[in-house]
Each structure stands twice: as structure tokens, then as C-alpha cells.
C-alpha atoms as a PDB file:
ATOM      1  CA  UNK A   1       0.000   0.000   0.000  1.00  0.00           C
ATOM      2  CA  UNK A   2       1.138   3.553  -0.504  1.00  0.00           C
ATOM      3  CA  UNK A   3       2.077   5.726   2.456  1.00  0.00           C
ATOM      4  CA  UNK A   4       1.345   9.156   1.125  1.00  0.00           C
ATOM      5  CA  UNK A   5      -1.224  11.800   1.962  1.00  0.00           C
ATOM      6  CA  UNK A   6      -4.876  10.924   2.080  1.00  0.00           C
ATOM      7  CA  UNK A   7      -7.229  13.695   1.008  1.00  0.00           C
ATOM      8  CA  UNK A   8     -10.060  15.195   3.009  1.00  0.00           C
ATOM      9  CA  UNK A   9     -12.158  18.129   1.854  1.00  0.00           C
ATOM     10  CA  UNK A  10      -9.584  18.812  -0.879  1.00  0.00           C
ATOM     11  CA  UNK A  11      -6.624  19.330   1.483  1.00  0.00           C
ATOM     12  CA  UNK A  12      -3.771  16.852   2.199  1.00  0.00           C
ATOM     13  CA  UNK A  13      -3.572  15.594   5.759  1.00  0.00           C
ATOM     14  CA  UNK A  14      -0.944  13.670   7.709  1.00  0.00           C
ATOM     15  CA  UNK A  15      -3.172  11.772  10.120  1.00  0.00           C
ATOM     16  CA  UNK A  16      -2.772   8.660   7.976  1.00  0.00           C
ATOM     17  CA  UNK A  17       0.844   8.300   9.121  1.00  0.00           C
ATOM     18  CA  UNK A  18      -0.020   7.995  12.799  1.00  0.00           C
ATOM     19  CA  UNK A  19      -2.971   5.759  11.983  1.00  0.00           C
ATOM     20  CA  UNK A  20      -0.752   3.378  10.049  1.00  0.00           C
ATOM     21  CA  UNK A  21       1.832   3.335  12.812  1.00  0.00           C
ATOM     22  CA  UNK A  22      -0.779   2.468  15.427  1.00  0.00           C
ATOM     23  CA  UNK A  23      -2.437  -0.108  13.194  1.00  0.00           C
ATOM     24  CA  UNK A  24       0.604  -1.871  11.844  1.00  0.00           C
ATOM     25  CA  UNK A  25       2.711  -1.972  14.976  1.00  0.00           C
ATOM     26  CA  UNK A  26       6.435  -1.799  14.292  1.00  0.00           C
ATOM     27  CA  UNK A  27       8.217   1.490  13.837  1.00  0.00           C
ATOM     28  CA  UNK A  28       8.138   3.315  10.539  1.00  0.00           C
ATOM     29  CA  UNK A  29      11.337   2.806   8.638  1.00  0.00           C
ATOM     30  CA  UNK A  30      12.899   3.591   5.288  1.00  0.00           C
ATOM     31  CA  UNK A  31      10.338   4.155   2.567  1.00  0.00           C
ATOM     32  CA  UNK A  32       7.163   2.999   4.254  1.00  0.00           C
ATOM     33  CA  UNK A  33       5.479   1.146   7.040  1.00  0.00           C
ATOM     34  CA  UNK A  34       6.085  -2.403   8.140  1.00  0.00           C
ATOM     35  CA  UNK A  35       2.967  -4.468   7.640  1.00  0.00           C
ATOM     36  CA  UNK A  36       3.863  -7.626   9.488  1.00  0.00           C
ATOM     37  CA  UNK A  37       2.992  -7.417  13.188  1.00  0.00           C
ATOM     38  CA  UNK A  38       1.075 -10.587  12.461  1.00  0.00           C
ATOM     39  CA  UNK A  39       0.143 -12.596   9.402  1.00  0.00           C
ATOM     40  CA  UNK A  40      -2.820 -11.105   7.510  1.00  0.00           C
ATOM     41  CA  UNK A  41      -4.301 -14.613   7.436  1.00  0.00           C
ATOM     42  CA  UNK A  42      -4.048 -14.827  11.228  1.00  0.00           C
ATOM     43  CA  UNK A  43      -5.426 -11.328  11.653  1.00  0.00           C
ATOM     44  CA  UNK A  44      -8.552 -12.148   9.650  1.00  0.00           C
ATOM     45  CA  UNK A  45      -9.016 -15.650  10.978  1.00  0.00           C
ATOM     46  CA  UNK A  46      -8.667 -17.137   7.510  1.00  0.00           C
ATOM     47  CA  UNK A  47      -6.410 -19.954   6.435  1.00  0.00           C
ATOM     48  CA  UNK A  48      -3.573 -19.408   3.964  1.00  0.00           C
ATOM     49  CA  UNK A  49      -4.653 -19.420   0.328  1.00  0.00           C
ATOM     50  CA  UNK A  50      -2.593 -22.527  -0.433  1.00  0.00           C
ATOM     51  CA  UNK A  51       0.677 -24.257   0.416  1.00  0.00           C
ATOM     52  CA  UNK A  52       3.222 -21.610   1.296  1.00  0.00           C
ATOM     53  CA  UNK A  53       5.444 -20.476  -1.566  1.00  0.00           C
ATOM     54  CA  UNK A  54       9.210 -20.741  -1.414  1.00  0.00           C
ATOM     55  CA  UNK A  55      11.484 -17.743  -0.890  1.00  0.00           C
ATOM     56  CA  UNK A  56      13.982 -17.467  -3.721  1.00  0.00           C
ATOM     57  CA  UNK A  57      16.954 -15.243  -4.527  1.00  0.00           C
ATOM     58  CA  UNK A  58      18.281 -13.818  -7.775  1.00  0.00           C
ATOM     59  CA  UNK A  59      21.460 -11.818  -8.415  1.00  0.00           C
ATOM     60  CA  UNK A  60      20.772  -8.774 -10.571  1.00  0.00           C
ATOM     61  CA  UNK A  61      23.158  -5.834 -11.104  1.00  0.00           C
ATOM     62  CA  UNK A  62      25.468  -7.210  -8.417  1.00  0.00           C
ATOM     63  CA  UNK A  63      22.662  -7.200  -5.844  1.00  0.00           C
ATOM     64  CA  UNK A  64      20.736 -10.120  -4.336  1.00  0.00           C
ATOM     65  CA  UNK A  65      17.011  -9.661  -4.895  1.00  0.00           C
ATOM     66  CA  UNK A  66      14.324 -11.823  -3.283  1.00  0.00           C
ATOM     67  CA  UNK A  67      10.908 -13.075  -4.317  1.00  0.00           C
ATOM     68  CA  UNK A  68       8.267 -15.542  -3.230  1.00  0.00           C
ATOM     69  CA  UNK A  69       7.447 -18.234  -5.780  1.00  0.00           C
ATOM     70  CA  UNK A  70       4.202 -20.169  -5.919  1.00  0.00           C
ATOM     71  CA  UNK A  71       4.353 -23.295  -8.029  1.00  0.00           C
ATOM     72  CA  UNK A  72       1.145 -24.960  -9.257  1.00  0.00           C
ATOM     73  CA  UNK A  73       0.293 -28.230  -7.569  1.00  0.00           C
ATOM     74  CA  UNK A  74      -0.325 -29.986 -10.896  1.00  0.00           C
ATOM     75  CA  UNK A  75       2.937 -31.126 -12.451  1.00  0.00           C
ATOM     76  CA  UNK A  76       2.589 -31.028 -16.216  1.00  0.00           C
ATOM     77  CA  UNK A  77       5.348 -31.258 -18.758  1.00  0.00           C
ATOM     78  CA  UNK A  78       4.291 -28.221 -20.770  1.00  0.00           C
ATOM     79  CA  UNK A  79       5.103 -24.554 -20.255  1.00  0.00           C
ATOM     80  CA  UNK A  80       3.111 -22.749 -17.581  1.00  0.00           C
ATOM     81  CA  UNK A  81       1.706 -19.211 -17.491  1.00  0.00           C
ATOM     82  CA  UNK A  82       3.578 -16.803 -15.228  1.00  0.00           C
ATOM     83  CA  UNK A  83       2.185 -13.899 -13.228  1.00  0.00           C
ATOM     84  CA  UNK A  84       4.559 -11.347 -11.670  1.00  0.00           C
ATOM     85  CA  UNK A  85       2.775  -9.578  -8.775  1.00  0.00           C
ATOM     86  CA  UNK A  86       4.176  -6.298  -7.373  1.00  0.00           C
ATOM     87  CA  UNK A  87       3.256  -5.230  -3.818  1.00  0.00           C
ATOM     88  CA  UNK A  88       2.444  -1.651  -2.773  1.00  0.00           C
ATOM     89  CA  UNK A  89       4.653   0.990  -1.195  1.00  0.00           C
ATOM     90  CA  UNK A  90       5.638   0.102   2.357  1.00  0.00           C
ATOM     91  CA  UNK A  91       4.301  -3.408   1.878  1.00  0.00           C
ATOM     92  CA  UNK A  92       5.769  -6.848   1.203  1.00  0.00           C
ATOM     93  CA  UNK A  93       5.414  -9.815  -1.106  1.00  0.00           C
ATOM     94  CA  UNK A  94       3.747 -11.903   1.607  1.00  0.00           C
ATOM     95  CA  UNK A  95       1.209  -9.171   2.328  1.00  0.00           C
ATOM     96  CA  UNK A  96       0.182  -8.935  -1.326  1.00  0.00           C
ATOM     97  CA  UNK A  97      -0.106 -12.715  -1.441  1.00  0.00           C
ATOM     98  CA  UNK A  98      -2.669 -12.621   1.365  1.00  0.00           C
ATOM     99  CA  UNK A  99      -4.311  -9.433   0.118  1.00  0.00           C
ATOM    100  CA  UNK A 100      -4.903 -10.791  -3.383  1.00  0.00           C
ATOM    101  CA  UNK A 101      -5.091 -14.545  -2.690  1.00  0.00           C
ATOM    102  CA  UNK A 102      -3.677 -15.147  -6.142  1.00  0.00           C
ATOM    103  CA  UNK A 103      -2.428 -18.547  -4.972  1.00  0.00           C
ATOM    104  CA  UNK A 104      -5.969 -19.848  -4.562  1.00  0.00           C
ATOM    105  CA  UNK A 105      -6.727 -19.148  -8.213  1.00  0.00           C
ATOM    106  CA  UNK A 106      -3.327 -20.459  -9.269  1.00  0.00           C
ATOM    107  CA  UNK A 107      -4.152 -23.942  -8.014  1.00  0.00           C
ATOM    108  CA  UNK A 108      -7.055 -24.275 -10.419  1.00  0.00           C
ATOM    109  CA  UNK A 109      -5.394 -22.458 -13.315  1.00  0.00           C
ATOM    110  CA  UNK A 110      -1.938 -24.049 -13.160  1.00  0.00           C
ATOM    111  CA  UNK A 111      -0.015 -20.771 -12.898  1.00  0.00           C
ATOM    112  CA  UNK A 112       3.365 -19.832 -11.581  1.00  0.00           C
ATOM    113  CA  UNK A 113       3.203 -16.683  -9.462  1.00  0.00           C
ATOM    114  CA  UNK A 114       6.251 -14.669  -8.470  1.00  0.00           C
ATOM    115  CA  UNK A 115       5.924 -12.007  -5.777  1.00  0.00           C
ATOM    116  CA  UNK A 116       9.120  -9.909  -5.920  1.00  0.00           C
ATOM    117  CA  UNK A 117      10.290  -7.759  -3.009  1.00  0.00           C
ATOM    118  CA  UNK A 118      10.871  -4.078  -3.709  1.00  0.00           C
ATOM    119  CA  UNK A 119      13.999  -2.246  -2.568  1.00  0.00           C
ATOM    120  CA  UNK A 120      13.096  -0.403   0.619  1.00  0.00           C
ATOM    121  CA  UNK A 121       9.598  -1.881   0.312  1.00  0.00           C
ATOM    122  CA  UNK A 122       8.729   0.120  -2.782  1.00  0.00           C
ATOM    123  CA  UNK A 123       9.202   0.171  -6.545  1.00  0.00           C
ATOM    124  CA  UNK A 124      10.856   2.631  -8.897  1.00  0.00           C
ATOM    125  CA  UNK A 125       7.676   2.939 -10.939  1.00  0.00           C
ATOM    126  CA  UNK A 126       8.743   6.243 -12.493  1.00  0.00           C
ATOM    127  CA  UNK A 127      11.726   7.328 -14.577  1.00  0.00           C
ATOM    128  CA  UNK A 128      12.932   9.978 -12.100  1.00  0.00           C
ATOM    129  CA  UNK A 129      16.225   9.376 -10.299  1.00  0.00           C
ATOM    130  CA  UNK A 130      16.156  10.017  -6.540  1.00  0.00           C
ATOM    131  CA  UNK A 131      18.732  10.152  -3.751  1.00  0.00           C
ATOM    132  CA  UNK A 132      17.722   6.709  -2.531  1.00  0.00           C
ATOM    133  CA  UNK A 133      17.297   5.294  -6.031  1.00  0.00           C
ATOM    134  CA  UNK A 134      19.848   7.019  -8.301  1.00  0.00           C
ATOM    135  CA  UNK A 135      19.289   4.391 -11.001  1.00  0.00           C
ATOM    136  CA  UNK A 136      15.574   4.646 -11.814  1.00  0.00           C
ATOM    137  CA  UNK A 137      15.674   1.577 -14.073  1.00  0.00           C
ATOM    138  CA  UNK A 138      16.944  -0.937 -11.509  1.00  0.00           C
ATOM    139  CA  UNK A 139      13.533  -2.492 -10.822  1.00  0.00           C
ATOM    140  CA  UNK A 140      12.686  -2.805 -14.506  1.00  0.00           C
ATOM    141  CA  UNK A 141      15.872  -4.804 -15.026  1.00  0.00           C
ATOM    142  CA  UNK A 142      14.971  -6.948 -12.009  1.00  0.00           C
ATOM    143  CA  UNK A 143      11.554  -7.702 -13.504  1.00  0.00           C
ATOM    144  CA  UNK A 144      13.077  -8.657 -16.842  1.00  0.00           C
ATOM    145  CA  UNK A 145      15.737 -10.833 -15.184  1.00  0.00           C
ATOM    146  CA  UNK A 146      13.076 -12.536 -13.065  1.00  0.00           C
ATOM    147  CA  UNK A 147      11.036 -13.411 -16.140  1.00  0.00           C
ATOM    148  CA  UNK A 148      14.133 -14.813 -17.869  1.00  0.00           C
ATOM    149  CA  UNK A 149      15.038 -16.841 -14.772  1.00  0.00           C
ATOM    150  CA  UNK A 150      11.600 -18.409 -14.435  1.00  0.00           C
ATOM    151  CA  UNK A 151      11.376 -19.211 -18.139  1.00  0.00           C
ATOM    152  CA  UNK A 152      14.718 -20.973 -17.819  1.00  0.00           C
ATOM    153  CA  UNK A 153      14.251 -22.780 -14.498  1.00  0.00           C
ATOM    154  CA  UNK A 154      10.497 -23.230 -13.960  1.00  0.00           C
ATOM    155  CA  UNK A 155       9.148 -23.818 -17.479  1.00  0.00           C
ATOM    156  CA  UNK A 156       7.335 -20.494 -17.525  1.00  0.00           C
ATOM    157  CA  UNK A 157       5.775 -19.903 -20.924  1.00  0.00           C
ATOM    158  CA  UNK A 158       7.427 -16.813 -22.481  1.00  0.00           C
ATOM    159  CA  UNK A 159       4.264 -16.256 -24.520  1.00  0.00           C
ATOM    160  CA  UNK A 160       2.073 -16.167 -21.391  1.00  0.00           C
ATOM    161  CA  UNK A 161       3.775 -13.753 -19.009  1.00  0.00           C
ATOM    162  CA  UNK A 162       1.602 -11.243 -17.142  1.00  0.00           C
ATOM    163  CA  UNK A 163       2.206  -8.475 -14.612  1.00  0.00           C
ATOM    164  CA  UNK A 164      -0.141  -7.254 -11.886  1.00  0.00           C
ATOM    165  CA  UNK A 165       0.285  -4.906  -8.959  1.00  0.00           C
ATOM    166  CA  UNK A 166      -1.358  -2.854  -6.250  1.00  0.00           C
ATOM    167  CA  UNK A 167      -0.876   0.902  -5.795  1.00  0.00           C
ATOM    168  CA  UNK A 168       2.847   1.696  -6.256  1.00  0.00           C
ATOM    169  CA  UNK A 169       3.119  -1.924  -7.441  1.00  0.00           C
ATOM    170  CA  UNK A 170       0.293  -1.254  -9.889  1.00  0.00           C
ATOM    171  CA  UNK A 171       2.256   1.660 -11.299  1.00  0.00           C
ATOM    172  CA  UNK A 172       5.279  -0.640 -11.522  1.00  0.00           C
ATOM    173  CA  UNK A 173       3.257  -3.184 -13.493  1.00  0.00           C
ATOM    174  CA  UNK A 174       2.155  -0.387 -15.833  1.00  0.00           C
ATOM    175  CA  UNK A 175       5.764   0.719 -16.300  1.00  0.00           C
ATOM    176  CA  UNK A 176       6.898  -2.777 -17.282  1.00  0.00           C
ATOM    177  CA  UNK A 177       3.951  -3.032 -19.679  1.00  0.00           C
ATOM    178  CA  UNK A 178       4.656   0.416 -21.119  1.00  0.00           C
ATOM    179  CA  UNK A 179       8.366  -0.062 -21.694  1.00  0.00           C
ATOM    180  CA  UNK A 180       8.435  -3.773 -22.579  1.00  0.00           C
ATOM    181  CA  UNK A 181       5.075  -4.722 -24.102  1.00  0.00           C
ATOM    182  CA  UNK A 182       6.694  -7.458 -26.183  1.00  0.00           C
ATOM    183  CA  UNK A 183       7.511  -9.412 -23.013  1.00  0.00           C
ATOM    184  CA  UNK A 184       3.899  -9.569 -21.870  1.00  0.00           C
ATOM    185  CA  UNK A 185       0.603 -11.152 -22.836  1.00  0.00           C
ATOM    186  CA  UNK A 186      -1.293  -8.835 -20.477  1.00  0.00           C
ATOM    187  CA  UNK A 187      -1.056  -6.413 -17.560  1.00  0.00           C
ATOM    188  CA  UNK A 188      -3.260  -5.246 -14.694  1.00  0.00           C
ATOM    189  CA  UNK A 189      -3.128  -2.570 -12.015  1.00  0.00           C
ATOM    190  CA  UNK A 190      -5.293  -2.127  -8.928  1.00  0.00           C
ATOM    191  CA  UNK A 191      -5.172   1.443  -7.558  1.00  0.00           C
ATOM    192  CA  UNK A 192      -2.143   2.192  -9.744  1.00  0.00           C
ATOM    193  CA  UNK A 193      -1.643   4.837 -12.448  1.00  0.00           C
ATOM    194  CA  UNK A 194       1.035   5.785 -14.977  1.00  0.00           C
ATOM    195  CA  UNK A 195       3.738   8.130 -13.672  1.00  0.00           C
ATOM    196  CA  UNK A 196       3.818  11.597 -15.198  1.00  0.00           C
ATOM    197  CA  UNK A 197       5.741  14.875 -14.870  1.00  0.00           C
ATOM    198  CA  UNK A 198       9.448  14.420 -14.198  1.00  0.00           C
ATOM    199  CA  UNK A 199       8.883  10.667 -13.706  1.00  0.00           C
ATOM    200  CA  UNK A 200       6.835  10.186 -16.884  1.00  0.00           C
ATOM    201  CA  UNK A 201       6.351   6.721 -18.351  1.00  0.00           C
ATOM    202  CA  UNK A 202       4.941   6.421 -21.878  1.00  0.00           C
ATOM    203  CA  UNK A 203       3.526   3.225 -23.427  1.00  0.00           C
ATOM    204  CA  UNK A 204       5.579   2.054 -26.409  1.00  0.00           C
ATOM    205  CA  UNK A 205       3.520  -0.793 -27.815  1.00  0.00           C
ATOM    206  CA  UNK A 206       0.228  -2.676 -27.589  1.00  0.00           C
ATOM    207  CA  UNK A 207      -0.632  -4.842 -24.601  1.00  0.00           C
ATOM    208  CA  UNK A 208      -4.036  -5.943 -23.243  1.00  0.00           C
ATOM    209  CA  UNK A 209      -4.582  -4.102 -19.977  1.00  0.00           C
ATOM    210  CA  UNK A 210      -7.108  -3.706 -17.181  1.00  0.00           C
ATOM    211  CA  UNK A 211      -7.039  -1.049 -14.456  1.00  0.00           C
ATOM    212  CA  UNK A 212      -9.314  -1.447 -11.418  1.00  0.00           C
ATOM    213  CA  UNK A 213      -9.836   1.654  -9.298  1.00  0.00           C
ATOM    214  CA  UNK A 214     -11.896   2.916  -6.382  1.00  0.00           C
ATOM    215  CA  UNK A 215     -13.991   5.981  -7.198  1.00  0.00           C
ATOM    216  CA  UNK A 216     -13.413   7.336  -3.674  1.00  0.00           C
ATOM    217  CA  UNK A 217      -9.677   6.608  -3.424  1.00  0.00           C
ATOM    218  CA  UNK A 218      -8.203   9.429  -1.297  1.00  0.00           C
ATOM    219  CA  UNK A 219      -4.710   7.977  -1.103  1.00  0.00           C
ATOM    220  CA  UNK A 220      -4.018   7.925  -4.835  1.00  0.00           C
ATOM    221  CA  UNK A 221      -7.061   9.689  -6.359  1.00  0.00           C
ATOM    222  CA  UNK A 222      -8.853   8.419  -9.440  1.00  0.00           C
ATOM    223  CA  UNK A 223      -8.180  11.818 -11.055  1.00  0.00           C
ATOM    224  CA  UNK A 224      -4.438  11.352 -10.570  1.00  0.00           C
ATOM    225  CA  UNK A 225      -1.839  13.107  -8.453  1.00  0.00           C
ATOM    226  CA  UNK A 226       0.278  15.273 -10.771  1.00  0.00           C
ATOM    227  CA  UNK A 227       1.644  17.368  -7.869  1.00  0.00           C
ATOM    228  CA  UNK A 228       1.894  15.145  -4.763  1.00  0.00           C
ATOM    229  CA  UNK A 229       2.678  16.576  -1.356  1.00  0.00           C
ATOM    230  CA  UNK A 230       6.262  16.147  -0.148  1.00  0.00           C
ATOM    231  CA  UNK A 231       7.007  12.845   1.535  1.00  0.00           C
ATOM    232  CA  UNK A 232       8.070  12.835   5.200  1.00  0.00           C
ATOM    233  CA  UNK A 233      11.755  13.587   5.815  1.00  0.00           C
ATOM    234  CA  UNK A 234      13.946  10.685   4.785  1.00  0.00           C
ATOM    235  CA  UNK A 235      11.221   9.012   2.724  1.00  0.00           C
ATOM    236  CA  UNK A 236      11.359   8.322  -1.005  1.00  0.00           C
ATOM    237  CA  UNK A 237       9.573  11.105  -2.934  1.00  0.00           C
ATOM    238  CA  UNK A 238       6.028  10.325  -4.012  1.00  0.00           C
ATOM    239  CA  UNK A 239       5.731   9.635  -7.734  1.00  0.00           C
ATOM    240  CA  UNK A 240       3.372  11.973  -9.615  1.00  0.00           C
ATOM    241  CA  UNK A 241       0.742  10.172 -11.675  1.00  0.00           C
ATOM    242  CA  UNK A 242      -1.852  10.954 -14.325  1.00  0.00           C
ATOM    243  CA  UNK A 243      -5.474   9.883 -13.892  1.00  0.00           C
ATOM    244  CA  UNK A 244      -6.553   6.267 -14.130  1.00  0.00           C
ATOM    245  CA  UNK A 245      -8.565   7.058 -17.258  1.00  0.00           C
ATOM    246  CA  UNK A 246      -5.659   8.846 -18.944  1.00  0.00           C
ATOM    247  CA  UNK A 247      -3.417   5.909 -18.024  1.00  0.00           C
ATOM    248  CA  UNK A 248      -5.776   3.491 -19.739  1.00  0.00           C
ATOM    249  CA  UNK A 249      -6.259   5.816 -22.708  1.00  0.00           C
ATOM    250  CA  UNK A 250      -2.477   6.069 -23.236  1.00  0.00           C
ATOM    251  CA  UNK A 251      -2.237   2.287 -23.587  1.00  0.00           C
ATOM    252  CA  UNK A 252      -5.325   2.244 -25.800  1.00  0.00           C
ATOM    253  CA  UNK A 253      -3.854   4.838 -28.168  1.00  0.00           C
ATOM    254  CA  UNK A 254      -0.577   2.984 -28.670  1.00  0.00           C
ATOM    255  CA  UNK A 255      -2.573  -0.241 -29.060  1.00  0.00           C
ATOM    256  CA  UNK A 256      -4.317   1.168 -32.110  1.00  0.00           C
ATOM    257  CA  UNK A 257      -7.732   1.924 -30.638  1.00  0.00           C
ATOM    258  CA  UNK A 258      -9.509   4.311 -32.985  1.00  0.00           C
ATOM    259  CA  UNK A 259     -13.157   4.235 -31.912  1.00  0.00           C
ATOM    260  CA  UNK A 260     -14.323   6.078 -28.812  1.00  0.00           C
ATOM    261  CA  UNK A 261     -14.401   3.918 -25.673  1.00  0.00           C
ATOM    262  CA  UNK A 262     -17.710   2.484 -24.493  1.00  0.00           C
ATOM    263  CA  UNK A 263     -18.737   2.814 -20.858  1.00  0.00           C
ATOM    264  CA  UNK A 264     -21.293   0.505 -19.304  1.00  0.00           C
ATOM    265  CA  UNK A 265     -22.753   0.688 -15.806  1.00  0.00           C
ATOM    266  CA  UNK A 266     -22.590  -2.677 -14.066  1.00  0.00           C
ATOM    267  CA  UNK A 267     -23.559  -3.745 -10.549  1.00  0.00           C
ATOM    268  CA  UNK A 268     -21.288  -1.741  -8.263  1.00  0.00           C
ATOM    269  CA  UNK A 269     -18.924  -0.362 -10.892  1.00  0.00           C
ATOM    270  CA  UNK A 270     -18.556   1.245 -14.324  1.00  0.00           C
ATOM    271  CA  UNK A 271     -16.615  -0.523 -17.073  1.00  0.00           C
ATOM    272  CA  UNK A 272     -14.971   1.464 -19.880  1.00  0.00           C
ATOM    273  CA  UNK A 273     -13.612  -0.537 -22.818  1.00  0.00           C
ATOM    274  CA  UNK A 274     -11.236   0.477 -25.610  1.00  0.00           C
ATOM    275  CA  UNK A 275     -10.971  -2.087 -28.429  1.00  0.00           C
ATOM    276  CA  UNK A 276      -7.440  -2.485 -29.750  1.00  0.00           C
ATOM    277  CA  UNK A 277      -6.307  -3.231 -33.272  1.00  0.00           C
ATOM    278  CA  UNK A 278      -5.455  -6.849 -32.445  1.00  0.00           C
ATOM    279  CA  UNK A 279      -8.571  -9.072 -32.623  1.00  0.00           C
ATOM    280  CA  UNK A 280     -10.206  -9.527 -29.219  1.00  0.00           C
ATOM    281  CA  UNK A 281      -7.664  -7.340 -27.408  1.00  0.00           C
ATOM    282  CA  UNK A 282      -8.910  -4.557 -25.133  1.00  0.00           C
ATOM    283  CA  UNK A 283      -7.867  -1.971 -22.592  1.00  0.00           C
ATOM    284  CA  UNK A 284     -10.380  -1.693 -19.757  1.00  0.00           C
ATOM    285  CA  UNK A 285     -10.962   0.629 -16.808  1.00  0.00           C
ATOM    286  CA  UNK A 286     -13.218  -0.585 -13.992  1.00  0.00           C
ATOM    287  CA  UNK A 287     -14.195   2.158 -11.530  1.00  0.00           C
ATOM    288  CA  UNK A 288     -15.625   0.727  -8.322  1.00  0.00           C
ATOM    289  CA  UNK A 289     -18.464   2.673  -6.695  1.00  0.00           C
ATOM    290  CA  UNK A 290     -18.064   3.750  -3.041  1.00  0.00           C
ATOM    291  CA  UNK A 291     -14.609   2.161  -2.857  1.00  0.00           C
ATOM    292  CA  UNK A 292     -11.228   3.439  -1.716  1.00  0.00           C
ATOM    293  CA  UNK A 293      -7.579   2.428  -1.902  1.00  0.00           C
ATOM    294  CA  UNK A 294      -8.149  -1.302  -1.627  1.00  0.00           C
ATOM    295  CA  UNK A 295      -8.111  -4.590  -3.540  1.00  0.00           C
ATOM    296  CA  UNK A 296     -11.772  -5.362  -4.407  1.00  0.00           C
ATOM    297  CA  UNK A 297     -12.923  -8.644  -2.921  1.00  0.00           C
ATOM    298  CA  UNK A 298      -9.964  -8.904  -0.528  1.00  0.00           C
ATOM    299  CA  UNK A 299     -10.452 -10.362   2.958  1.00  0.00           C
ATOM    300  CA  UNK A 300      -7.832  -7.974   4.314  1.00  0.00           C
ATOM    301  CA  UNK A 301      -9.280  -4.835   5.875  1.00  0.00           C
ATOM    302  CA  UNK A 302      -7.329  -1.764   4.699  1.00  0.00           C
ATOM    303  CA  UNK A 303      -5.877   0.697   7.224  1.00  0.00           C
ATOM    304  CA  UNK A 304      -7.964   3.570   8.543  1.00  0.00           C
ATOM    305  CA  UNK A 305      -8.283   6.334   5.998  1.00  0.00           C
ATOM    306  CA  UNK A 306      -7.863   4.075   2.990  1.00  0.00           C
ATOM    307  CA  UNK A 307     -11.615   3.719   2.416  1.00  0.00           C
ATOM    308  CA  UNK A 308     -13.837   0.704   1.982  1.00  0.00           C
ATOM    309  CA  UNK A 309     -13.174  -2.443  -0.003  1.00  0.00           C
ATOM    310  CA  UNK A 310     -15.642  -3.104  -2.805  1.00  0.00           C
ATOM    311  CA  UNK A 311     -17.351  -6.493  -2.900  1.00  0.00           C
ATOM    312  CA  UNK A 312     -18.963  -5.866  -6.292  1.00  0.00           C
ATOM    313  CA  UNK A 313     -16.330  -8.127  -7.828  1.00  0.00           C
ATOM    314  CA  UNK A 314     -13.201 -10.053  -6.925  1.00  0.00           C
ATOM    315  CA  UNK A 315     -10.268  -8.238  -8.480  1.00  0.00           C
ATOM    316  CA  UNK A 316      -8.132 -11.383  -8.586  1.00  0.00           C
ATOM    317  CA  UNK A 317     -10.538 -13.553 -10.542  1.00  0.00           C
ATOM    318  CA  UNK A 318     -11.526 -10.564 -12.714  1.00  0.00           C
ATOM    319  CA  UNK A 319      -7.893  -9.986 -13.677  1.00  0.00           C
ATOM    320  CA  UNK A 320      -7.140 -13.640 -14.353  1.00  0.00           C
ATOM    321  CA  UNK A 321     -10.312 -13.967 -16.414  1.00  0.00           C
ATOM    322  CA  UNK A 322      -9.217 -10.908 -18.373  1.00  0.00           C
ATOM    323  CA  UNK A 323      -5.889 -12.655 -18.988  1.00  0.00           C
ATOM    324  CA  UNK A 324      -7.894 -15.716 -20.114  1.00  0.00           C
ATOM    325  CA  UNK A 325      -6.034 -17.957 -17.699  1.00  0.00           C
END
């Protein structure tokens, strides 16, 4: 999740920071909050989504990077689809695993799922260099190296690689899709938008894409955050972003969409669809009514100030259905 200003009555406030500290327990450190005073599964009384994944390591750019890897229980000989899932700012791979419960769907769909860990618990989703992240491309190279590694060692299908993410992780998924569309068969972001301004990311090729967003998101507003408030002292600067709709439209334009998008009201949300040049390919924006900065359908209750979680759909199954997995 992202630890930047929530918005109330049009003015940024800082109360979220204390609320997160009280809710999540351990001291604030580095680029965000620690979200592991106890397992999310334990906190909600639920059981883990499936057999625990393994923690793996990969050397990239002279640095050891870590990720959780879920392997499907069915052992086939053929290549397997791969989903790379990026956690939010201040969060962790294990938290996103519980938040999304991607593993539960993976069992039935035979997918590999990799949950990489961000440096300082966040991702360099934008192209701006910062004091803490002087190389703004380091996480993109990690994502590419991770895909190559899993194609080589785990029989991941290079023609069925997908990226998903939440919040800052959603923006990271959009960056990978924007800069390396040829690597992917699809991409999805929940509460994540394309970076803009001095961190701008521009799509370079067609890729099927779905963005799911809360209409009442006060942490990272639906209308975008082109001029975010300064981060607390010592924190990584907050990445400016364009609106969710403009993010989707940018991918639609480079994907060859020529007709105007169609918006349809559905139960609990509005769906806007751009049809791409490739047969059957679309870019979609799903705006959840009365929902905040949360993963729709999740069992994990978001922190105070992040708004409610929509139950109009399950974001995980919606995304995987969109990917046709």
C-alpha cells in the first residue's frame, strides 16, 4: 500500500501516518510502514490461500534480490503461465499474497506466481532518479531478469507472461507493460496509475490491460496526483501520476484503438472498454463505486483512511479472467 497523503475536503492531511503506525505496529522505517505485526491470514481468521510459496533469490546488477514463488500443484510437462505480482509501497510480497489470494486461483489455473520484493519496500515505478534510487531503471531490469530466470528454471511460458500490482506496485506493473510490451501477454493494475511529470512513463507498444480503481480513493485519487505533497523527511519522494482514465487511454492509443471507448454501468462499478487493433484485445478501466484504496474482494481490511473495499467483484478472478487464464 502507498504511504502518502490521504485527502479530506480537498486538502492533504498527515493523520494517515499515525494511523498506520498504530495499526501496523512496528516502527516506521525507510520508505514505508512495516505491515507484518502478524500474518494477515491470522489477523482475519482465515487460512492461507494454499501451500506456502518458497522464498527465492536472484542476483541482478550485483545485488541479491528476493521473491516468493508459488508453483502450481499440478505437475505437467508443458510450459506454464507466469504472473509477476508487485506489492504496494511500504508493503511486502507476503502481504500482497494474502491481500490478493492469487495462490488460490493459481491452483485451479496451473499458474506460476512470483511475488518480488521491492527495494526499501517500494518500486521505482517512475523514470525519475532520486537520492535513494539514483538508477531509476533498476527495478525494470529486475523484472526482466526474473522473467528470464523463471522461463529458464520453472518452465514459464514466455508467450504467457503477465504483470499485476497494487498501488505503487500497480504503477510498476504499468511501467513494465509500457516499456516492454513485447515481453507480456497482459497487464493489470489495482489502484495504480502511470507516472507523469518528471517521472513520466509512456507506453511504447500494444498490450491488453485492465485497471481497477476505487472511485473514492483518497490515497491515490482516481483523477491522478500530478503534484503530490512532499514525503516525510527521509522518505522516497512520491511519484506523480496521471489519472486512471488517462493511463488506460495512453495504452489504448498505442494499441491502435480508434473508436471512442464504451462505458457501461454494471452492478457496483462502471466498465470502460477500448478495443485495440489486435482481434479480441482490449484496454479496460473498472471504476468501483463507493470504494477506496483497496483490492476489491480482498479479505484484508485496509488501514484507517484508505476507504472501503468493494465487494462488487473479486479483483483477482476478474484480472485472471481478463488474462484468459
